[in-house]
Protein backbone atom coordinates (compact mmCIF):
# COMPACT_ATOMS: atom_id res chain seq x y z
CA MET A 1 25.39 -33.47 22.71
CA SER A 2 23.20 -36.32 21.56
CA ARG A 3 22.87 -37.57 18.01
CA THR A 4 19.30 -36.22 17.88
CA ASP A 5 20.48 -32.71 18.80
CA ILE A 6 23.21 -32.82 16.16
CA LEU A 7 20.72 -33.90 13.49
CA ALA A 8 18.26 -31.19 14.54
CA GLU A 9 20.96 -28.49 14.32
CA GLY A 10 22.00 -29.79 10.92
CA GLU A 11 18.43 -29.67 9.64
CA ALA A 12 18.00 -26.12 10.99
CA TYR A 13 21.24 -25.03 9.31
CA ASP A 14 20.17 -26.58 6.00
CA ALA A 15 16.77 -24.90 6.23
CA GLY A 16 18.39 -21.51 6.93
CA THR A 17 20.83 -21.91 4.04
CA THR A 18 18.01 -22.87 1.67
CA GLU A 19 15.95 -19.87 2.76
CA ARG A 20 18.87 -17.45 2.21
CA LYS A 21 19.49 -18.90 -1.25
CA ALA A 22 15.79 -18.54 -2.09
CA THR A 23 15.80 -14.93 -0.87
CA ARG A 24 18.82 -14.06 -3.04
CA ARG A 25 17.16 -15.75 -6.02
CA ASP A 26 13.94 -13.79 -5.46
CA ARG A 27 15.86 -10.49 -5.30
CA TRP A 28 17.76 -11.36 -8.47
CA LEU A 29 14.52 -12.17 -10.31
CA THR A 30 12.90 -8.93 -9.06
CA GLY A 31 15.87 -6.89 -10.25
CA THR A 32 15.84 -8.69 -13.60
CA THR A 33 12.13 -7.93 -14.04
CA PHE A 34 12.63 -4.20 -13.46
CA LEU A 35 15.66 -4.21 -15.77
CA ALA A 36 13.63 -5.93 -18.49
CA PHE A 37 10.88 -3.29 -18.26
CA PHE A 38 13.51 -0.54 -18.42
CA LEU A 39 15.19 -2.06 -21.48
CA VAL A 40 11.83 -2.37 -23.26
CA TRP A 41 11.17 1.30 -22.46
CA VAL A 42 14.58 2.25 -23.87
CA GLY A 43 14.01 0.06 -26.93
CA VAL A 44 10.66 1.52 -27.96
CA THR A 45 11.66 5.15 -27.31
CA GLY A 46 15.06 5.00 -28.99
CA ALA A 47 16.81 6.93 -26.20
CA GLY A 48 18.26 9.26 -28.85
CA HIS A 49 20.29 6.53 -30.56
CA TRP A 50 17.74 5.21 -33.12
CA PRO A 51 14.31 6.23 -34.41
CA PRO A 52 11.69 5.65 -31.71
CA LEU A 53 8.87 3.20 -32.27
CA ILE A 54 6.56 5.47 -30.25
CA ARG A 55 6.52 9.25 -30.70
CA PRO A 56 8.10 11.10 -27.73
CA ILE A 57 4.92 13.10 -27.18
CA PHE A 58 3.22 9.82 -26.23
CA LEU A 59 6.10 8.09 -24.47
CA PRO A 60 9.31 10.03 -23.76
CA SER A 61 12.60 8.20 -23.30
CA PRO A 62 14.04 7.51 -19.85
CA LEU A 63 16.68 10.18 -20.54
CA ALA A 64 13.99 12.79 -21.27
CA VAL A 65 12.13 11.86 -18.07
CA TRP A 66 15.36 12.11 -16.07
CA GLN A 67 16.09 15.54 -17.56
CA ALA A 68 12.55 16.66 -16.70
CA PHE A 69 13.06 15.42 -13.14
CA LEU A 70 16.30 17.43 -12.83
CA ALA A 71 14.57 20.51 -14.25
CA LEU A 72 11.76 20.14 -11.71
CA LEU A 73 14.31 19.82 -8.92
CA GLU A 74 15.96 23.05 -10.02
CA HIS A 75 12.99 25.19 -11.03
CA GLY A 76 9.99 23.53 -9.40
CA TYR A 77 6.52 23.49 -10.94
CA GLN A 78 3.93 26.26 -11.02
CA GLY A 79 5.69 28.34 -8.39
CA ASN A 80 6.43 25.55 -5.89
CA SER A 81 9.38 23.21 -5.55
CA LEU A 82 9.10 19.56 -6.50
CA TRP A 83 9.65 18.57 -2.88
CA TYR A 84 6.73 20.77 -1.84
CA HIS A 85 4.42 18.90 -4.22
CA VAL A 86 5.78 15.55 -3.05
CA GLY A 87 5.46 16.58 0.59
CA ILE A 88 1.86 17.81 0.41
CA SER A 89 0.78 14.65 -1.44
CA PHE A 90 2.58 12.45 1.07
CA TYR A 91 0.94 14.36 3.94
CA ARG A 92 -2.53 13.74 2.49
CA PHE A 93 -1.76 10.10 1.83
CA ALA A 94 -0.03 9.41 5.16
CA PHE A 95 -2.68 11.13 7.29
CA ALA A 96 -5.56 9.33 5.58
CA PHE A 97 -3.88 5.92 5.47
CA SER A 98 -2.51 5.95 9.01
CA SER A 99 -5.88 7.08 10.37
CA CYS A 100 -7.59 4.20 8.57
CA VAL A 101 -5.09 1.69 10.01
CA LEU A 102 -5.18 3.07 13.56
CA ILE A 103 -8.99 3.14 13.67
CA GLY A 104 -9.90 0.40 11.20
CA VAL A 105 -7.80 -2.45 12.61
CA PRO A 106 -9.10 -2.19 16.21
CA LEU A 107 -12.65 -1.75 14.92
CA GLY A 108 -12.28 -4.81 12.70
CA LEU A 109 -10.94 -6.84 15.62
CA LEU A 110 -13.92 -5.73 17.71
CA LEU A 111 -16.38 -6.73 14.98
CA GLY A 112 -14.69 -10.10 14.63
CA MET A 113 -14.79 -10.80 18.36
CA ASN A 114 -18.14 -9.28 19.32
CA ARG A 115 -21.32 -10.54 17.68
CA THR A 116 -23.42 -7.60 18.88
CA ALA A 117 -20.98 -5.00 17.54
CA ARG A 118 -20.83 -6.90 14.25
CA ALA A 119 -24.63 -6.91 13.92
CA ILE A 120 -24.75 -3.15 14.53
CA LEU A 121 -21.77 -1.88 12.53
CA GLU A 122 -21.05 -4.39 9.76
CA PRO A 123 -24.21 -3.74 7.66
CA PRO A 124 -23.57 0.03 7.30
CA ILE A 125 -19.91 -0.59 6.43
CA GLN A 126 -20.84 -3.25 3.87
CA ALA A 127 -23.51 -0.95 2.42
CA ILE A 128 -21.10 1.98 2.03
CA ARG A 129 -18.21 -0.09 0.63
CA PRO A 130 -19.56 -0.65 -2.93
CA ILE A 131 -20.45 3.03 -3.49
CA PRO A 132 -18.04 4.61 -6.03
CA LYS A 133 -16.15 7.11 -3.93
CA LEU A 134 -15.46 9.37 -6.92
CA ALA A 135 -19.21 9.94 -7.13
CA LEU A 136 -19.04 11.36 -3.60
CA LEU A 137 -16.24 13.81 -4.41
CA PRO A 138 -18.60 16.76 -5.13
CA LEU A 139 -20.40 16.10 -1.84
CA PHE A 140 -17.12 15.96 0.09
CA LEU A 141 -16.10 19.29 -1.45
CA ILE A 142 -19.43 20.84 -0.40
CA TRP A 143 -19.36 19.36 3.09
CA PHE A 144 -15.68 19.79 3.96
CA GLY A 145 -14.50 22.58 1.65
CA ILE A 146 -11.63 22.64 -0.83
CA GLY A 147 -8.85 22.26 1.73
CA ASN A 148 -6.95 19.16 2.71
CA THR A 149 -9.82 17.75 4.80
CA SER A 150 -11.95 16.79 1.78
CA LYS A 151 -8.90 15.26 0.05
CA ILE A 152 -7.97 13.20 3.09
CA ILE A 153 -11.54 11.93 3.39
CA ILE A 154 -11.76 10.93 -0.29
CA ILE A 155 -8.54 8.91 0.16
CA ALA A 156 -9.78 7.30 3.37
CA ALA A 157 -13.31 6.56 2.15
CA PRO A 158 -12.51 3.33 0.22
CA VAL A 159 -9.53 2.35 2.38
CA PHE A 160 -11.28 2.34 5.75
CA PRO A 161 -13.95 -0.31 4.94
CA LEU A 162 -11.33 -2.55 3.32
CA ILE A 163 -9.10 -2.54 6.40
CA VAL A 164 -12.04 -3.02 8.78
CA ILE A 165 -13.40 -5.98 6.80
CA ALA A 166 -9.94 -7.52 6.38
CA ALA A 167 -9.35 -7.40 10.16
CA MET A 168 -12.84 -8.71 10.91
CA GLN A 169 -12.53 -11.63 8.50
CA ALA A 170 -9.05 -12.43 9.79
CA VAL A 171 -10.49 -12.81 13.30
CA ARG A 172 -13.43 -14.91 12.11
CA SER A 173 -11.09 -17.24 10.22
CA VAL A 174 -9.18 -18.19 13.37
CA SER A 175 -9.63 -21.87 14.15
CA THR A 176 -12.17 -22.44 16.91
CA LYS A 177 -10.18 -25.50 17.99
CA LYS A 178 -7.27 -23.26 19.00
CA ILE A 179 -9.60 -21.04 21.03
CA GLN A 180 -11.27 -24.01 22.70
CA ALA A 181 -7.91 -25.57 23.51
CA ALA A 182 -6.75 -22.33 25.15
CA ARG A 183 -9.95 -22.10 27.21
CA CYS A 184 -9.57 -25.73 28.31
CA LEU A 185 -6.16 -24.76 29.68
CA GLY A 186 -7.76 -22.02 31.76
CA ALA A 187 -7.06 -19.00 29.53
CA GLY A 188 -9.26 -15.95 30.07
CA ASN A 189 -10.72 -13.68 27.39
CA TRP A 190 -7.70 -11.37 27.25
CA THR A 191 -5.24 -14.26 27.14
CA VAL A 192 -7.20 -15.93 24.35
CA PHE A 193 -7.24 -12.69 22.37
CA SER A 194 -3.60 -11.71 22.90
CA ARG A 195 -2.04 -15.19 22.69
CA VAL A 196 -4.31 -16.97 20.19
CA VAL A 197 -6.61 -14.72 18.17
CA LEU A 198 -4.34 -11.73 17.49
CA PRO A 199 -1.26 -13.74 16.39
CA ALA A 200 -3.43 -15.94 14.16
CA CYS A 201 -5.15 -13.02 12.42
CA LEU A 202 -2.09 -10.80 11.88
CA PRO A 203 -1.24 -12.24 8.43
CA GLY A 204 -4.75 -11.44 7.20
CA ILE A 205 -4.57 -7.92 8.63
CA PHE A 206 -1.23 -7.21 6.96
CA THR A 207 -2.59 -8.53 3.64
CA GLY A 208 -5.52 -6.13 3.90
CA ILE A 209 -3.19 -3.23 4.68
CA ARG A 210 -0.99 -4.02 1.68
CA MET A 211 -4.02 -4.19 -0.60
CA ALA A 212 -5.23 -0.87 0.77
CA ILE A 213 -1.95 0.88 -0.16
CA SER A 214 -2.59 0.62 -3.90
CA ILE A 215 -6.16 1.85 -3.46
CA ALA A 216 -4.97 4.79 -1.36
CA VAL A 217 -2.41 5.82 -4.01
CA THR A 218 -5.13 5.63 -6.68
CA MET A 219 -7.48 7.76 -4.58
CA LEU A 220 -4.68 10.27 -4.05
CA VAL A 221 -4.90 10.99 -7.78
CA ALA A 222 -8.68 11.34 -7.51
CA ALA A 223 -8.35 13.65 -4.50
CA GLU A 224 -6.09 16.00 -6.44
CA LEU A 225 -8.30 16.07 -9.54
CA THR A 226 -10.23 19.17 -8.53
CA ALA A 227 -10.06 22.21 -6.28
CA THR A 228 -6.32 22.11 -5.67
CA SER A 229 -3.16 23.73 -6.97
CA ASP A 230 -0.49 21.49 -5.48
CA GLY A 231 0.44 17.85 -5.12
CA ILE A 232 2.30 15.36 -7.26
CA ALA A 233 -0.86 13.97 -8.87
CA TRP A 234 -2.08 17.50 -9.62
CA MET A 235 1.29 18.21 -11.22
CA SER A 236 0.91 15.22 -13.55
CA LEU A 237 -2.70 16.05 -14.41
CA THR A 238 -1.98 19.68 -15.29
CA ALA A 239 1.14 18.71 -17.23
CA ALA A 240 -0.99 16.34 -19.32
CA GLU A 241 -3.13 19.29 -20.41
CA PHE A 242 -0.03 20.79 -22.06
CA LEU A 243 1.14 17.41 -23.44
CA SER A 244 4.21 17.52 -21.18
CA THR A 245 4.37 13.75 -20.94
CA ASP A 246 7.87 13.82 -19.49
CA ILE A 247 6.56 15.68 -16.44
CA VAL A 248 3.55 13.35 -16.32
CA LEU A 249 5.87 10.35 -16.16
CA VAL A 250 7.96 11.99 -13.43
CA GLY A 251 4.81 12.18 -11.30
CA VAL A 252 3.79 8.63 -12.20
CA VAL A 253 7.23 7.26 -11.27
CA ILE A 254 7.21 9.17 -7.96
CA MET A 255 3.78 7.76 -7.05
CA ALA A 256 4.86 4.27 -8.11
CA VAL A 257 7.98 4.51 -5.95
CA LEU A 258 5.86 5.74 -3.03
CA GLY A 259 3.41 2.84 -3.31
CA PHE A 260 6.09 0.20 -3.89
CA SER A 261 8.28 1.47 -1.02
CA LEU A 262 5.35 1.47 1.40
CA ASP A 263 4.38 -2.03 0.31
CA ARG A 264 7.94 -3.28 0.88
CA MET A 265 8.04 -1.54 4.26
CA ILE A 266 4.76 -3.15 5.38
CA ARG A 267 6.02 -6.51 4.10
CA ALA A 268 9.27 -6.14 6.06
CA ILE A 269 7.32 -5.28 9.22
CA GLU A 270 5.08 -8.29 8.64
CA LEU A 271 8.08 -10.62 8.26
CA ARG A 272 9.58 -9.24 11.47
CA ILE A 273 6.38 -9.44 13.54
CA VAL A 274 4.68 -12.47 11.96
CA HIS A 275 7.85 -14.48 11.55
CA TRP A 276 6.01 -17.77 12.06
CA SER A 277 3.71 -17.25 9.07
CA GLY A 278 4.09 -20.13 6.62
CA HIS A 279 6.01 -22.27 9.13
CA GLU A 280 3.10 -23.64 11.13
């Protein structure tokens, strides 16, 4: 083995060690941040050990929220188990979000690659995007009824344009020099797309998907505002009417865990597929 090879292996080993140390540091800082928020929550609510700074009716202690969670597990809420409410909300969210990704990403890629398709379809999408989707909720209820269809559509309505535009802009941001270099080497349209355009635009697509997750969780709450009697957001909203803030926080924590877990999952998939991102 030559001296150059030995030096290259040493540099690669050092880079890998540095990356692992940075990853451990990031995880430690993330855990510390969550712990700090939890300790502040305990501090201002007293946790039963000292007078609370905030009345429990406004902000219950973590212990009270945990006890409410256990009670919901045992007795359910309004005639249905907690897992039923979680499941129906996740079904609405997952169906709407996955449909937007499966349809929106290919459509965005098409709009980015094809000028004619972009001229036809981009203006309507851009025109619809700024409309407040909550204003359309009564129309969706009239058009699609009070079942799950209207709720899925109200979740998908703001998410779909975001994913389409993110994919389209990711394609249009690909360097033309890379495309021209591939064509000079004899690459056809499919080769240029699969070997140059798609890999280059994947980071932008994943960023759009991650941004859409938070919007979809927010619209899940909006979808369960009216004409429903189940769902985790509905549970929190109805509990608020009776000032059951412990149950409200159980629903909030469940939705936060859902959104955060999906974001971490998408991020992990991105790191596995787009492993070259940031190393170009």
